[in-house]
Structure formats: structure tokens, C-alpha cells
Amino acid sequence: MRLDKFLKVSRLIKRRTLAKEVADQGRISINGQQAKASSTVKVGDELTVRFGQRIVTVQVDRLQETMRKEEAMTMYSVIKEERLGATE
């Protein structure tokens, strides 16, 4: 499955166009490698996404073309969530 589609269906990012922009800015990596919106995501992959001052690392648990909002979080497990610049 394409990275931008996975991010939208899993609701990590609300819209596919926004997911593409974030990927094009170099703020997403798959298994430590910088990813493009068209990169392929597989079960077991580790995604790291930078949202402003927050970095979220998730593991892909399942892939599905469509998913209800209530079930979207079953597509991934959060491994780590950290804040940037919190050195005060």
C-alpha cells in the first residue's frame, strides 16, 4: 500500500494530500529511510512521522483499503512518542 494512502486510512494524517505534503517535506521515514508519498508500506514496517514539535514512531500491524474511524487505530501500534525542544 502507498504510504500516503496508509496514513489517510489509518488516520495518522487526516487527508491524503496533507500526507503527500508531509512526505515531500522529508518528515516521514520507513525503517529509518526517508520516504516519499509513493513509497510502499508493508506489515511490520516502522514509520516515523514528525508533526511540528512531536515525533511519533509506529509499527504497521495491518493493511486495509478502507477502515472505519473507530477501527483505524488497529492498523498500527505506537512504539514511541516524543516532543522536540522540551529541554527547559
N, C-alpha and C. Protein backbone atom coordinates (compact mmCIF):
# COMPACT_ATOMS: atom_id res chain seq x y z
N MET A 1 0.84 -1.18 0.00
CA MET A 1 0.00 0.00 0.00
C MET A 1 0.89 1.24 0.00
N ARG A 2 0.46 2.25 -0.72
CA ARG A 2 1.22 3.50 -0.75
C ARG A 2 1.22 4.16 0.62
N LEU A 3 2.31 4.83 0.93
CA LEU A 3 2.46 5.50 2.22
C LEU A 3 1.35 6.53 2.46
N ASP A 4 1.08 7.39 1.47
CA ASP A 4 0.06 8.43 1.67
C ASP A 4 -1.31 7.83 1.94
N LYS A 5 -1.62 6.74 1.26
CA LYS A 5 -2.92 6.07 1.47
C LYS A 5 -2.98 5.44 2.86
N PHE A 6 -1.89 4.81 3.29
CA PHE A 6 -1.87 4.21 4.63
C PHE A 6 -2.09 5.26 5.71
N LEU A 7 -1.41 6.39 5.58
CA LEU A 7 -1.54 7.45 6.58
C LEU A 7 -2.96 7.98 6.66
N LYS A 8 -3.65 8.06 5.51
CA LYS A 8 -5.02 8.53 5.49
C LYS A 8 -5.97 7.48 6.07
N VAL A 9 -5.87 6.25 5.60
CA VAL A 9 -6.79 5.20 6.06
C VAL A 9 -6.62 4.93 7.55
N SER A 10 -5.38 4.97 8.04
CA SER A 10 -5.11 4.72 9.46
C SER A 10 -5.42 5.96 10.31
N ARG A 11 -5.66 7.07 9.65
CA ARG A 11 -5.98 8.35 10.28
C ARG A 11 -4.83 8.92 11.12
N LEU A 12 -3.61 8.53 10.79
CA LEU A 12 -2.45 9.20 11.39
C LEU A 12 -2.40 10.62 10.87
N ILE A 13 -2.75 10.79 9.59
CA ILE A 13 -2.89 12.12 8.97
C ILE A 13 -4.26 12.12 8.30
N LYS A 14 -5.02 13.19 8.50
CA LYS A 14 -6.43 13.21 8.11
C LYS A 14 -6.69 13.14 6.60
N ARG A 15 -5.86 13.83 5.81
CA ARG A 15 -6.12 13.87 4.37
C ARG A 15 -4.93 13.36 3.58
N ARG A 16 -5.19 12.71 2.47
CA ARG A 16 -4.12 12.15 1.65
C ARG A 16 -3.22 13.23 1.06
N THR A 17 -3.81 14.36 0.69
CA THR A 17 -2.99 15.45 0.14
C THR A 17 -2.02 15.98 1.20
N LEU A 18 -2.49 16.06 2.44
CA LEU A 18 -1.63 16.51 3.53
C LEU A 18 -0.53 15.47 3.79
N ALA A 19 -0.88 14.19 3.72
CA ALA A 19 0.11 13.12 3.90
C ALA A 19 1.19 13.22 2.82
N LYS A 20 0.79 13.54 1.59
CA LYS A 20 1.76 13.69 0.49
C LYS A 20 2.68 14.88 0.76
N GLU A 21 2.12 15.99 1.21
CA GLU A 21 2.94 17.17 1.51
C GLU A 21 3.96 16.88 2.60
N VAL A 22 3.53 16.22 3.66
CA VAL A 22 4.43 15.89 4.78
C VAL A 22 5.56 14.99 4.29
N ALA A 23 5.23 14.00 3.46
CA ALA A 23 6.25 13.10 2.92
C ALA A 23 7.21 13.86 2.00
N ASP A 24 6.68 14.75 1.18
CA ASP A 24 7.52 15.52 0.25
C ASP A 24 8.47 16.46 1.00
N GLN A 25 8.11 16.84 2.23
CA GLN A 25 8.97 17.71 3.04
C GLN A 25 10.04 16.90 3.78
N GLY A 26 10.03 15.59 3.61
CA GLY A 26 11.05 14.75 4.23
C GLY A 26 10.81 14.49 5.71
N ARG A 27 9.56 14.55 6.15
CA ARG A 27 9.25 14.39 7.57
C ARG A 27 8.77 12.99 7.92
N ILE A 28 8.86 12.05 6.97
CA ILE A 28 8.43 10.67 7.23
C ILE A 28 9.54 9.72 6.82
N SER A 29 9.79 8.71 7.66
CA SER A 29 10.74 7.67 7.28
C SER A 29 10.13 6.30 7.53
N ILE A 30 10.54 5.34 6.69
CA ILE A 30 10.12 3.94 6.83
C ILE A 30 11.37 3.14 7.13
N ASN A 31 11.38 2.48 8.28
CA ASN A 31 12.54 1.68 8.71
C ASN A 31 13.84 2.47 8.63
N GLY A 32 13.78 3.75 9.02
CA GLY A 32 14.98 4.59 9.06
C GLY A 32 15.36 5.24 7.74
N GLN A 33 14.65 4.93 6.66
CA GLN A 33 14.94 5.51 5.35
C GLN A 33 13.89 6.56 5.01
N GLN A 34 14.34 7.74 4.58
CA GLN A 34 13.39 8.80 4.20
C GLN A 34 12.44 8.27 3.13
N ALA A 35 11.15 8.58 3.28
CA ALA A 35 10.13 8.01 2.40
C ALA A 35 9.42 9.07 1.59
N LYS A 36 8.98 8.68 0.39
CA LYS A 36 8.14 9.52 -0.46
C LYS A 36 6.70 9.07 -0.28
N ALA A 37 5.76 9.88 -0.75
CA ALA A 37 4.34 9.55 -0.65
C ALA A 37 4.03 8.25 -1.38
N SER A 38 4.78 7.95 -2.43
CA SER A 38 4.53 6.75 -3.23
C SER A 38 5.25 5.51 -2.70
N SER A 39 6.01 5.65 -1.60
CA SER A 39 6.73 4.51 -1.03
C SER A 39 5.74 3.43 -0.59
N THR A 40 6.16 2.18 -0.68
CA THR A 40 5.30 1.06 -0.31
C THR A 40 5.46 0.74 1.17
N VAL A 41 4.32 0.58 1.84
CA VAL A 41 4.30 0.22 3.25
C VAL A 41 3.88 -1.24 3.37
N LYS A 42 4.61 -2.00 4.21
CA LYS A 42 4.29 -3.41 4.43
C LYS A 42 4.04 -3.65 5.92
N VAL A 43 3.33 -4.73 6.23
CA VAL A 43 3.11 -5.09 7.64
C VAL A 43 4.47 -5.32 8.29
N GLY A 44 4.66 -4.77 9.47
CA GLY A 44 5.93 -4.90 10.18
C GLY A 44 6.85 -3.71 10.01
N ASP A 45 6.57 -2.84 9.03
CA ASP A 45 7.39 -1.65 8.83
C ASP A 45 7.25 -0.70 10.01
N GLU A 46 8.32 0.06 10.27
CA GLU A 46 8.31 1.06 11.33
C GLU A 46 8.31 2.43 10.67
N LEU A 47 7.26 3.21 10.94
CA LEU A 47 7.13 4.56 10.38
C LEU A 47 7.44 5.59 11.44
N THR A 48 8.21 6.60 11.08
CA THR A 48 8.48 7.71 11.97
C THR A 48 7.97 8.98 11.28
N VAL A 49 7.06 9.68 11.94
CA VAL A 49 6.43 10.87 11.37
C VAL A 49 6.68 12.05 12.30
N ARG A 50 7.15 13.17 11.71
CA ARG A 50 7.38 14.38 12.51
C ARG A 50 6.22 15.35 12.29
N PHE A 51 5.48 15.62 13.37
CA PHE A 51 4.39 16.59 13.36
C PHE A 51 4.85 17.79 14.15
N GLY A 52 5.31 18.83 13.52
CA GLY A 52 5.75 20.03 14.24
C GLY A 52 6.79 19.71 15.30
N GLN A 53 6.43 19.84 16.58
CA GLN A 53 7.35 19.59 17.68
C GLN A 53 7.21 18.18 18.26
N ARG A 54 6.57 17.28 17.52
CA ARG A 54 6.32 15.93 18.02
C ARG A 54 6.80 14.91 17.00
N ILE A 55 7.41 13.85 17.49
CA ILE A 55 7.82 12.74 16.60
C ILE A 55 7.11 11.49 17.09
N VAL A 56 6.39 10.84 16.17
CA VAL A 56 5.65 9.63 16.51
C VAL A 56 6.22 8.48 15.70
N THR A 57 6.54 7.37 16.38
CA THR A 57 7.03 6.17 15.72
C THR A 57 5.98 5.08 15.91
N VAL A 58 5.53 4.49 14.80
CA VAL A 58 4.51 3.44 14.87
C VAL A 58 4.97 2.23 14.07
N GLN A 59 4.42 1.07 14.43
CA GLN A 59 4.67 -0.15 13.66
C GLN A 59 3.39 -0.51 12.93
N VAL A 60 3.51 -0.85 11.65
CA VAL A 60 2.35 -1.21 10.84
C VAL A 60 1.92 -2.63 11.22
N ASP A 61 0.67 -2.77 11.68
CA ASP A 61 0.16 -4.08 12.09
C ASP A 61 -0.70 -4.74 11.02
N ARG A 62 -1.41 -3.94 10.25
CA ARG A 62 -2.24 -4.50 9.18
C ARG A 62 -2.49 -3.46 8.11
N LEU A 63 -2.81 -3.94 6.92
CA LEU A 63 -3.11 -3.06 5.79
C LEU A 63 -4.52 -3.36 5.31
N GLN A 64 -5.29 -2.32 5.10
CA GLN A 64 -6.64 -2.48 4.59
C GLN A 64 -6.97 -1.25 3.76
N GLU A 65 -7.69 -1.46 2.65
CA GLU A 65 -8.01 -0.36 1.74
C GLU A 65 -8.94 0.66 2.37
N THR A 66 -9.91 0.19 3.16
CA THR A 66 -10.83 1.10 3.84
C THR A 66 -10.95 0.66 5.29
N MET A 67 -11.27 1.61 6.15
CA MET A 67 -11.34 1.30 7.57
C MET A 67 -12.27 2.30 8.24
N ARG A 68 -13.14 1.80 9.12
CA ARG A 68 -14.00 2.70 9.87
C ARG A 68 -13.16 3.48 10.89
N LYS A 69 -13.61 4.68 11.19
CA LYS A 69 -12.86 5.56 12.07
C LYS A 69 -12.56 4.90 13.42
N GLU A 70 -13.53 4.19 13.95
CA GLU A 70 -13.37 3.56 15.26
C GLU A 70 -12.29 2.47 15.25
N GLU A 71 -12.07 1.85 14.09
CA GLU A 71 -11.14 0.73 13.98
C GLU A 71 -9.77 1.13 13.42
N ALA A 72 -9.63 2.39 13.03
CA ALA A 72 -8.41 2.83 12.33
C ALA A 72 -7.14 2.59 13.15
N MET A 73 -7.22 2.74 14.47
CA MET A 73 -6.02 2.57 15.30
C MET A 73 -5.54 1.12 15.35
N THR A 74 -6.35 0.17 14.86
CA THR A 74 -5.91 -1.24 14.85
C THR A 74 -4.91 -1.49 13.72
N MET A 75 -4.70 -0.51 12.85
CA MET A 75 -3.76 -0.68 11.73
C MET A 75 -2.31 -0.48 12.16
N TYR A 76 -2.09 0.10 13.36
CA TYR A 76 -0.73 0.37 13.80
C TYR A 76 -0.64 0.33 15.32
N SER A 77 0.59 0.18 15.82
CA SER A 77 0.87 0.26 17.26
C SER A 77 1.87 1.39 17.46
N VAL A 78 1.60 2.26 18.42
CA VAL A 78 2.54 3.34 18.72
C VAL A 78 3.70 2.76 19.51
N ILE A 79 4.91 2.93 18.99
CA ILE A 79 6.11 2.44 19.65
C ILE A 79 6.67 3.53 20.56
N LYS A 80 6.70 4.76 20.03
CA LYS A 80 7.33 5.85 20.77
C LYS A 80 6.70 7.17 20.34
N GLU A 81 6.57 8.07 21.31
CA GLU A 81 6.07 9.42 21.01
C GLU A 81 6.92 10.38 21.81
N GLU A 82 7.57 11.32 21.13
CA GLU A 82 8.45 12.25 21.84
C GLU A 82 8.25 13.68 21.38
N ARG A 83 8.55 14.61 22.27
CA ARG A 83 8.47 16.02 21.96
C ARG A 83 9.86 16.57 21.68
N LEU A 84 9.94 17.48 20.73
CA LEU A 84 11.22 18.14 20.42
C LEU A 84 11.29 19.45 21.20
N GLY A 85 12.50 19.85 21.54
CA GLY A 85 12.70 21.15 22.15
C GLY A 85 12.19 21.27 23.58
N ALA A 86 11.96 20.18 24.25
CA ALA A 86 11.46 20.22 25.64
C ALA A 86 12.64 20.13 26.61
N THR A 87 13.61 21.04 26.45
CA THR A 87 14.82 20.99 27.28
C THR A 87 14.84 22.09 28.33
N GLU A 88 13.69 22.58 28.72
CA GLU A 88 13.63 23.67 29.69
C GLU A 88 13.75 23.17 31.10
